[in-house]
Amino acid sequence: MGVWKYIKSDYDAAKRNDPAIPDGIRGFFEVLFCTPGFLAITAHRGIHFLHSTLHIPLLPRFISLFVRWWTGIEIHPAAQIGYGFFIDHGAGVVIGETTIVGNNVTMYQGVTLGGTGNEKCHKRHPTIGDNVFIGSGAKLLGPITVGANARIGANSAVLKDVPEYATVTGMRARIIKVDGQPVSSGESEYSPEELFKRIIRLEEEVYYLRGELKKARGGTDDAQSDEKIAENITVEIEYKKGKPF
């Protein structure tokens, strides 16, 4: 596909994905002059050609810095981006050097396709499959692969591969759906340290409750049931200490 066909596909993606763009000639000029995502990817098509095909040094990087200032979107000249690419709003988007983006990918503002800073190989940035949706503020870091038709939720931090058709969400990103079906990731939402602290707190509460129950049984001569005693003790704990969780 020639450069102009790529640009045409990017224009069509902007028209298709941005409901704020009106139809007709006004919409044409709004995409052409007022849509940061379209401006950034159009500039990148030329910058990438200078960098990767003509192998011109320095100039592509300099132009990309100007585009970042102009649109708020930073795309490294070496990043490989397929056709039909659309960035909505665009402010704060960063796409790293070895990133590979498939066709018909949509992303929103604040997305980072970056590295973790400790990769030893040349491929330091993500590979994004076709038809992937990436929500605002998502961080995809390292040489991971996001499968085709996956959806990345807003503000997710993704450090592991994502299978095709999966939906990923959460600050500590977990797969919640695959091909529209809910799944369990099999991972706890707490770190081992947090789990250990919660177990200790539970043991302390159980020990305290056992002591109070023993004292209550001795003082009431079995006039109250164990359930009523436990309920009274729980109310007392919540009043004095606050709920443990």
C-alpha atoms as a PDB file:
ATOM      1  CA  MET A   1       0.000   0.000   0.000  1.00  0.00           C
ATOM      2  CA  GLY A   2       1.466   3.375  -1.052  1.00  0.00           C
ATOM      3  CA  VAL A   3       1.857   6.314   1.297  1.00  0.00           C
ATOM      4  CA  TRP A   4      -1.207   8.091  -0.093  1.00  0.00           C
ATOM      5  CA  LYS A   5      -3.335   5.004   0.453  1.00  0.00           C
ATOM      6  CA  TYR A   6      -2.132   4.892   4.065  1.00  0.00           C
ATOM      7  CA  ILE A   7      -3.089   8.547   4.509  1.00  0.00           C
ATOM      8  CA  LYS A   8      -6.509   7.895   2.935  1.00  0.00           C
ATOM      9  CA  SER A   9      -7.089   4.995   5.330  1.00  0.00           C
ATOM     10  CA  ASP A  10      -6.093   7.209   8.289  1.00  0.00           C
ATOM     11  CA  TYR A  11      -8.534   9.868   7.103  1.00  0.00           C
ATOM     12  CA  ASP A  12     -11.325   7.291   6.827  1.00  0.00           C
ATOM     13  CA  ALA A  13     -10.503   6.014  10.331  1.00  0.00           C
ATOM     14  CA  ALA A  14     -10.809   9.541  11.757  1.00  0.00           C
ATOM     15  CA  LYS A  15     -14.176  10.033  10.048  1.00  0.00           C
ATOM     16  CA  ARG A  16     -15.377   6.627  11.203  1.00  0.00           C
ATOM     17  CA  ASN A  17     -14.264   6.826  14.838  1.00  0.00           C
ATOM     18  CA  ASP A  18     -14.758  10.481  15.792  1.00  0.00           C
ATOM     19  CA  PRO A  19     -18.463  11.351  16.186  1.00  0.00           C
ATOM     20  CA  ALA A  20     -17.577  15.048  16.590  1.00  0.00           C
ATOM     21  CA  ILE A  21     -16.516  15.335  12.950  1.00  0.00           C
ATOM     22  CA  PRO A  22     -19.458  16.448  10.765  1.00  0.00           C
ATOM     23  CA  ASP A  23     -20.197  15.173   7.297  1.00  0.00           C
ATOM     24  CA  GLY A  24     -19.465  17.076   4.110  1.00  0.00           C
ATOM     25  CA  ILE A  25     -16.792  19.601   3.241  1.00  0.00           C
ATOM     26  CA  ARG A  26     -16.637  21.002   6.764  1.00  0.00           C
ATOM     27  CA  GLY A  27     -15.775  17.566   8.137  1.00  0.00           C
ATOM     28  CA  PHE A  28     -13.100  17.134   5.483  1.00  0.00           C
ATOM     29  CA  PHE A  29     -11.305  20.322   6.544  1.00  0.00           C
ATOM     30  CA  GLU A  30     -11.731  19.562  10.249  1.00  0.00           C
ATOM     31  CA  VAL A  31      -9.922  16.255   9.793  1.00  0.00           C
ATOM     32  CA  LEU A  32      -7.299  17.837   7.574  1.00  0.00           C
ATOM     33  CA  PHE A  33      -6.452  20.802   9.815  1.00  0.00           C
ATOM     34  CA  CYS A  34      -7.995  20.289  13.259  1.00  0.00           C
ATOM     35  CA  THR A  35      -7.546  16.630  14.222  1.00  0.00           C
ATOM     36  CA  PRO A  36      -4.248  16.121  16.097  1.00  0.00           C
ATOM     37  CA  GLY A  37      -4.221  12.347  15.651  1.00  0.00           C
ATOM     38  CA  PHE A  38      -4.587  12.575  11.884  1.00  0.00           C
ATOM     39  CA  LEU A  39      -1.976  15.335  11.644  1.00  0.00           C
ATOM     40  CA  ALA A  40       0.504  13.336  13.730  1.00  0.00           C
ATOM     41  CA  ILE A  41       0.130  10.072  11.821  1.00  0.00           C
ATOM     42  CA  THR A  42       0.231  11.857   8.451  1.00  0.00           C
ATOM     43  CA  ALA A  43       3.486  13.554   9.426  1.00  0.00           C
ATOM     44  CA  HIS A  44       4.818  10.234  10.719  1.00  0.00           C
ATOM     45  CA  ARG A  45       4.246   8.565   7.345  1.00  0.00           C
ATOM     46  CA  GLY A  46       6.717  10.987   5.752  1.00  0.00           C
ATOM     47  CA  ILE A  47       9.086  10.961   8.720  1.00  0.00           C
ATOM     48  CA  HIS A  48       9.206   7.160   8.745  1.00  0.00           C
ATOM     49  CA  PHE A  49       9.995   7.142   5.027  1.00  0.00           C
ATOM     50  CA  LEU A  50      12.927   9.511   5.571  1.00  0.00           C
ATOM     51  CA  HIS A  51      14.203   7.481   8.520  1.00  0.00           C
ATOM     52  CA  SER A  52      13.687   3.873   7.452  1.00  0.00           C
ATOM     53  CA  THR A  53      13.755   3.990   3.658  1.00  0.00           C
ATOM     54  CA  LEU A  54      16.113   6.856   2.807  1.00  0.00           C
ATOM     55  CA  HIS A  55      18.098   6.422   6.051  1.00  0.00           C
ATOM     56  CA  ILE A  56      18.508  10.171   6.488  1.00  0.00           C
ATOM     57  CA  PRO A  57      20.098  10.908   9.885  1.00  0.00           C
ATOM     58  CA  LEU A  58      18.977  13.536  12.416  1.00  0.00           C
ATOM     59  CA  LEU A  59      16.346  15.290  10.251  1.00  0.00           C
ATOM     60  CA  PRO A  60      13.518  12.771  10.948  1.00  0.00           C
ATOM     61  CA  ARG A  61      14.100  13.069  14.708  1.00  0.00           C
ATOM     62  CA  PHE A  62      14.098  16.843  14.499  1.00  0.00           C
ATOM     63  CA  ILE A  63      10.837  16.885  12.525  1.00  0.00           C
ATOM     64  CA  SER A  64       9.248  14.442  14.978  1.00  0.00           C
ATOM     65  CA  LEU A  65      10.092  16.838  17.829  1.00  0.00           C
ATOM     66  CA  PHE A  66       8.302  19.625  15.989  1.00  0.00           C
ATOM     67  CA  VAL A  67       5.269  17.371  15.445  1.00  0.00           C
ATOM     68  CA  ARG A  68       5.254  16.544  19.170  1.00  0.00           C
ATOM     69  CA  TRP A  69       5.182  20.265  19.988  1.00  0.00           C
ATOM     70  CA  TRP A  70       2.485  20.849  17.361  1.00  0.00           C
ATOM     71  CA  THR A  71       0.111  17.973  18.215  1.00  0.00           C
ATOM     72  CA  GLY A  72       1.111  16.722  21.677  1.00  0.00           C
ATOM     73  CA  ILE A  73       1.784  13.281  20.173  1.00  0.00           C
ATOM     74  CA  GLU A  74       5.256  11.751  20.158  1.00  0.00           C
ATOM     75  CA  ILE A  75       5.942   8.985  17.625  1.00  0.00           C
ATOM     76  CA  HIS A  76       9.501   7.810  17.102  1.00  0.00           C
ATOM     77  CA  PRO A  77      10.479   7.892  13.405  1.00  0.00           C
ATOM     78  CA  ALA A  78      11.300   4.166  13.446  1.00  0.00           C
ATOM     79  CA  ALA A  79       7.897   3.047  14.790  1.00  0.00           C
ATOM     80  CA  GLN A  80       6.006   0.854  12.316  1.00  0.00           C
ATOM     81  CA  ILE A  81       2.310   1.713  12.060  1.00  0.00           C
ATOM     82  CA  GLY A  82      -0.265  -0.006   9.854  1.00  0.00           C
ATOM     83  CA  TYR A  83      -3.105   1.561   7.914  1.00  0.00           C
ATOM     84  CA  GLY A  84      -6.317   2.958   9.388  1.00  0.00           C
ATOM     85  CA  PHE A  85      -4.591   4.259  12.535  1.00  0.00           C
ATOM     86  CA  PHE A  86      -6.609   6.670  14.694  1.00  0.00           C
ATOM     87  CA  ILE A  87      -5.681   8.628  17.827  1.00  0.00           C
ATOM     88  CA  ASP A  88      -8.569  10.502  19.445  1.00  0.00           C
ATOM     89  CA  HIS A  89      -7.639  13.770  21.223  1.00  0.00           C
ATOM     90  CA  GLY A  90      -4.014  12.616  21.316  1.00  0.00           C
ATOM     91  CA  ALA A  91      -2.460  14.712  24.081  1.00  0.00           C
ATOM     92  CA  GLY A  92       0.324  12.844  25.854  1.00  0.00           C
ATOM     93  CA  VAL A  93       0.529   9.854  23.501  1.00  0.00           C
ATOM     94  CA  VAL A  94       4.024   8.314  23.290  1.00  0.00           C
ATOM     95  CA  ILE A  95       4.963   5.571  20.810  1.00  0.00           C
ATOM     96  CA  GLY A  96       8.471   4.138  21.176  1.00  0.00           C
ATOM     97  CA  GLU A  97      11.119   3.294  18.623  1.00  0.00           C
ATOM     98  CA  THR A  98      10.602  -0.458  18.188  1.00  0.00           C
ATOM     99  CA  THR A  99       6.821  -0.368  18.439  1.00  0.00           C
ATOM    100  CA  ILE A 100       4.872  -2.234  15.780  1.00  0.00           C
ATOM    101  CA  VAL A 101       1.198  -1.297  15.366  1.00  0.00           C
ATOM    102  CA  GLY A 102      -1.174  -3.317  13.195  1.00  0.00           C
ATOM    103  CA  ASN A 103      -4.060  -2.159  11.030  1.00  0.00           C
ATOM    104  CA  ASN A 104      -7.191  -0.323  12.181  1.00  0.00           C
ATOM    105  CA  VAL A 105      -5.904   0.369  15.680  1.00  0.00           C
ATOM    106  CA  THR A 106      -7.646   3.016  17.796  1.00  0.00           C
ATOM    107  CA  MET A 107      -6.178   4.695  20.860  1.00  0.00           C
ATOM    108  CA  TYR A 108      -7.006   7.639  23.065  1.00  0.00           C
ATOM    109  CA  GLN A 109      -5.082  10.359  24.877  1.00  0.00           C
ATOM    110  CA  GLY A 110      -2.322   9.581  27.348  1.00  0.00           C
ATOM    111  CA  VAL A 111      -1.449   6.162  25.945  1.00  0.00           C
ATOM    112  CA  THR A 112       2.177   5.017  26.220  1.00  0.00           C
ATOM    113  CA  LEU A 113       3.640   2.269  24.071  1.00  0.00           C
ATOM    114  CA  GLY A 114       6.989   2.273  25.807  1.00  0.00           C
ATOM    115  CA  GLY A 115       9.788   0.240  27.337  1.00  0.00           C
ATOM    116  CA  THR A 116      10.468  -0.806  30.911  1.00  0.00           C
ATOM    117  CA  GLY A 117      14.035   0.479  30.816  1.00  0.00           C
ATOM    118  CA  ASN A 118      15.801  -2.846  31.365  1.00  0.00           C
ATOM    119  CA  GLU A 119      15.395  -4.736  28.093  1.00  0.00           C
ATOM    120  CA  LYS A 120      18.601  -6.260  26.740  1.00  0.00           C
ATOM    121  CA  CYS A 121      17.320  -7.006  23.225  1.00  0.00           C
ATOM    122  CA  HIS A 122      16.619  -4.611  20.377  1.00  0.00           C
ATOM    123  CA  LYS A 123      12.823  -5.081  20.564  1.00  0.00           C
ATOM    124  CA  ARG A 124      12.000  -2.962  23.575  1.00  0.00           C
ATOM    125  CA  HIS A 125       8.440  -1.857  22.843  1.00  0.00           C
ATOM    126  CA  PRO A 126       5.035  -3.494  22.302  1.00  0.00           C
ATOM    127  CA  THR A 127       3.660  -5.160  19.206  1.00  0.00           C
ATOM    128  CA  ILE A 128      -0.029  -4.344  18.692  1.00  0.00           C
ATOM    129  CA  GLY A 129      -2.239  -6.575  16.539  1.00  0.00           C
ATOM    130  CA  ASP A 130      -4.986  -5.549  14.124  1.00  0.00           C
ATOM    131  CA  ASN A 131      -8.256  -3.936  15.281  1.00  0.00           C
ATOM    132  CA  VAL A 132      -7.025  -3.283  18.830  1.00  0.00           C
ATOM    133  CA  PHE A 133      -8.676  -0.619  21.014  1.00  0.00           C
ATOM    134  CA  ILE A 134      -6.537   1.113  23.666  1.00  0.00           C
ATOM    135  CA  GLY A 135      -8.289   3.328  26.228  1.00  0.00           C
ATOM    136  CA  SER A 136      -7.036   6.655  27.532  1.00  0.00           C
ATOM    137  CA  GLY A 137      -4.076   6.587  29.912  1.00  0.00           C
ATOM    138  CA  ALA A 138      -3.160   2.948  29.252  1.00  0.00           C
ATOM    139  CA  LYS A 139       0.514   2.018  29.597  1.00  0.00           C
ATOM    140  CA  LEU A 140       1.768  -0.900  27.514  1.00  0.00           C
ATOM    141  CA  LEU A 141       5.393  -1.499  28.415  1.00  0.00           C
ATOM    142  CA  GLY A 142       8.119  -3.796  27.175  1.00  0.00           C
ATOM    143  CA  PRO A 143       8.357  -6.187  24.207  1.00  0.00           C
ATOM    144  CA  ILE A 144       4.887  -7.616  24.802  1.00  0.00           C
ATOM    145  CA  THR A 145       2.380  -8.680  22.167  1.00  0.00           C
ATOM    146  CA  VAL A 146      -1.271  -7.608  22.131  1.00  0.00           C
ATOM    147  CA  GLY A 147      -3.344  -9.959  20.020  1.00  0.00           C
ATOM    148  CA  ALA A 148      -5.772  -8.900  17.305  1.00  0.00           C
ATOM    149  CA  ASN A 149      -9.167  -7.508  18.356  1.00  0.00           C
ATOM    150  CA  ALA A 150      -8.096  -7.065  21.988  1.00  0.00           C
ATOM    151  CA  ARG A 151      -9.422  -4.187  24.095  1.00  0.00           C
ATOM    152  CA  ILE A 152      -7.237  -2.422  26.675  1.00  0.00           C
ATOM    153  CA  GLY A 153      -9.167  -0.501  29.325  1.00  0.00           C
ATOM    154  CA  ALA A 154      -8.414   3.062  30.354  1.00  0.00           C
ATOM    155  CA  ASN A 155      -5.475   3.527  32.755  1.00  0.00           C
ATOM    156  CA  SER A 156      -4.454  -0.133  32.513  1.00  0.00           C
ATOM    157  CA  ALA A 157      -0.790  -0.994  33.019  1.00  0.00           C
ATOM    158  CA  VAL A 158      -0.010  -3.934  30.739  1.00  0.00           C
ATOM    159  CA  LEU A 159       3.294  -5.766  31.192  1.00  0.00           C
ATOM    160  CA  LYS A 160       2.355  -9.196  29.834  1.00  0.00           C
ATOM    161  CA  ASP A 161       1.127 -10.546  26.511  1.00  0.00           C
ATOM    162  CA  VAL A 162      -2.581 -10.168  25.783  1.00  0.00           C
ATOM    163  CA  PRO A 163      -4.311 -12.886  23.727  1.00  0.00           C
ATOM    164  CA  GLU A 164      -6.592 -12.211  20.767  1.00  0.00           C
ATOM    165  CA  TYR A 165     -10.126 -10.975  21.526  1.00  0.00           C
ATOM    166  CA  ALA A 166      -9.234 -10.418  25.179  1.00  0.00           C
ATOM    167  CA  THR A 167     -10.439  -7.481  27.281  1.00  0.00           C
ATOM    168  CA  VAL A 168      -7.894  -6.191  29.786  1.00  0.00           C
ATOM    169  CA  THR A 169      -8.563  -3.723  32.576  1.00  0.00           C
ATOM    170  CA  GLY A 170      -7.227  -2.525  35.919  1.00  0.00           C
ATOM    171  CA  MET A 171      -4.200  -0.673  37.249  1.00  0.00           C
ATOM    172  CA  ARG A 172      -2.532  -4.064  37.603  1.00  0.00           C
ATOM    173  CA  ALA A 173      -3.980  -5.185  34.316  1.00  0.00           C
ATOM    174  CA  ARG A 174      -5.928  -8.465  34.375  1.00  0.00           C
ATOM    175  CA  ILE A 175      -7.760 -10.251  31.586  1.00  0.00           C
ATOM    176  CA  ILE A 176     -11.483 -10.114  32.349  1.00  0.00           C
ATOM    177  CA  LYS A 177     -12.895 -11.320  29.022  1.00  0.00           C
ATOM    178  CA  VAL A 178     -11.789 -13.403  26.052  1.00  0.00           C
ATOM    179  CA  ASP A 179     -13.972 -13.307  22.954  1.00  0.00           C
ATOM    180  CA  GLY A 180     -16.697 -11.650  25.011  1.00  0.00           C
ATOM    181  CA  GLN A 181     -16.778 -14.358  27.700  1.00  0.00           C
ATOM    182  CA  PRO A 182     -15.847 -13.480  31.304  1.00  0.00           C
ATOM    183  CA  VAL A 183     -12.745 -15.267  32.563  1.00  0.00           C
ATOM    184  CA  SER A 184     -10.803 -15.518  35.775  1.00  0.00           C
ATOM    185  CA  SER A 185      -7.143 -14.632  35.539  1.00  0.00           C
ATOM    186  CA  GLY A 186      -6.331 -16.997  38.398  1.00  0.00           C
ATOM    187  CA  GLU A 187      -4.302 -14.255  40.061  1.00  0.00           C
ATOM    188  CA  SER A 188      -5.004 -12.491  43.320  1.00  0.00           C
ATOM    189  CA  GLU A 189      -5.592  -8.758  43.197  1.00  0.00           C
ATOM    190  CA  TYR A 190      -3.253  -8.436  46.216  1.00  0.00           C
ATOM    191  CA  SER A 191       0.500  -8.779  46.329  1.00  0.00           C
ATOM    192  CA  PRO A 192       2.055 -11.511  48.534  1.00  0.00           C
ATOM    193  CA  GLU A 193       2.964  -8.868  51.130  1.00  0.00           C
ATOM    194  CA  GLU A 194      -0.617  -7.571  51.271  1.00  0.00           C
ATOM    195  CA  LEU A 195      -1.999 -11.107  51.566  1.00  0.00           C
ATOM    196  CA  PHE A 196       0.409 -11.883  54.430  1.00  0.00           C
ATOM    197  CA  LYS A 197      -0.665  -8.744  56.334  1.00  0.00           C
ATOM    198  CA  ARG A 198      -4.343  -9.597  55.868  1.00  0.00           C
ATOM    199  CA  ILE A 199      -3.814 -13.160  57.132  1.00  0.00           C
ATOM    200  CA  ILE A 200      -2.066 -11.839  60.244  1.00  0.00           C
ATOM    201  CA  ARG A 201      -4.940  -9.421  60.889  1.00  0.00           C
ATOM    202  CA  LEU A 202      -7.460 -12.221  60.485  1.00  0.00           C
ATOM    203  CA  GLU A 203      -5.556 -14.403  62.972  1.00  0.00           C
ATOM    204  CA  GLU A 204      -5.516 -11.544  65.472  1.00  0.00           C
ATOM    205  CA  GLU A 205      -9.262 -11.011  65.083  1.00  0.00           C
ATOM    206  CA  VAL A 206      -9.996 -14.743  65.468  1.00  0.00           C
ATOM    207  CA  TYR A 207      -7.825 -14.935  68.616  1.00  0.00           C
ATOM    208  CA  TYR A 208      -9.557 -11.898  70.097  1.00  0.00           C
ATOM    209  CA  LEU A 209     -13.040 -13.232  69.282  1.00  0.00           C
ATOM    210  CA  ARG A 210     -12.267 -16.609  70.816  1.00  0.00           C
ATOM    211  CA  GLY A 211     -11.139 -14.950  74.051  1.00  0.00           C
ATOM    212  CA  GLU A 212     -14.200 -12.728  74.232  1.00  0.00           C
ATOM    213  CA  LEU A 213     -16.520 -15.652  73.454  1.00  0.00           C
ATOM    214  CA  LYS A 214     -14.934 -17.737  76.197  1.00  0.00           C
ATOM    215  CA  LYS A 215     -15.361 -14.918  78.726  1.00  0.00           C
ATOM    216  CA  ALA A 216     -18.961 -14.321  77.637  1.00  0.00           C
ATOM    217  CA  ARG A 217     -19.866 -17.980  78.016  1.00  0.00           C
ATOM    218  CA  GLY A 218     -18.480 -18.050  81.565  1.00  0.00           C
ATOM    219  CA  GLY A 219     -20.251 -14.885  82.651  1.00  0.00           C
ATOM    220  CA  THR A 220     -23.711 -15.442  81.187  1.00  0.00           C
ATOM    221  CA  ASP A 221     -24.245 -19.062  82.207  1.00  0.00           C
ATOM    222  CA  ASP A 222     -25.314 -19.945  78.656  1.00  0.00           C
ATOM    223  CA  ALA A 223     -28.201 -17.489  78.737  1.00  0.00           C
ATOM    224  CA  GLN A 224     -27.186 -16.204  75.315  1.00  0.00           C
ATOM    225  CA  SER A 225     -26.526 -18.247  72.206  1.00  0.00           C
ATOM    226  CA  ASP A 226     -23.058 -18.290  70.664  1.00  0.00           C
ATOM    227  CA  GLU A 227     -24.441 -16.400  67.664  1.00  0.00           C
ATOM    228  CA  LYS A 228     -25.785 -13.567  69.826  1.00  0.00           C
ATOM    229  CA  ILE A 229     -22.531 -13.339  71.752  1.00  0.00           C
ATOM    230  CA  ALA A 230     -20.500 -13.221  68.562  1.00  0.00           C
ATOM    231  CA  GLU A 231     -22.776 -10.513  67.192  1.00  0.00           C
ATOM    232  CA  ASN A 232     -22.350  -8.377  70.308  1.00  0.00           C
ATOM    233  CA  ILE A 233     -18.582  -8.805  70.206  1.00  0.00           C
ATOM    234  CA  THR A 234     -18.451  -7.856  66.514  1.00  0.00           C
ATOM    235  CA  VAL A 235     -20.448  -4.672  67.183  1.00  0.00           C
ATOM    236  CA  GLU A 236     -18.057  -3.813  70.014  1.00  0.00           C
ATOM    237  CA  ILE A 237     -14.989  -4.359  67.793  1.00  0.00           C
ATOM    238  CA  GLU A 238     -16.401  -2.161  65.033  1.00  0.00           C
ATOM    239  CA  TYR A 239     -17.240   0.561  67.543  1.00  0.00           C
ATOM    240  CA  LYS A 240     -13.841   0.571  69.235  1.00  0.00           C
ATOM    241  CA  LYS A 241     -11.493  -0.204  66.381  1.00  0.00           C
ATOM    242  CA  GLY A 242     -13.404   0.340  63.157  1.00  0.00           C
ATOM    243  CA  LYS A 243     -14.044  -2.407  60.653  1.00  0.00           C
ATOM    244  CA  PRO A 244     -10.878  -4.438  60.050  1.00  0.00           C
ATOM    245  CA  PHE A 245     -11.357  -4.386  56.263  1.00  0.00           C
END
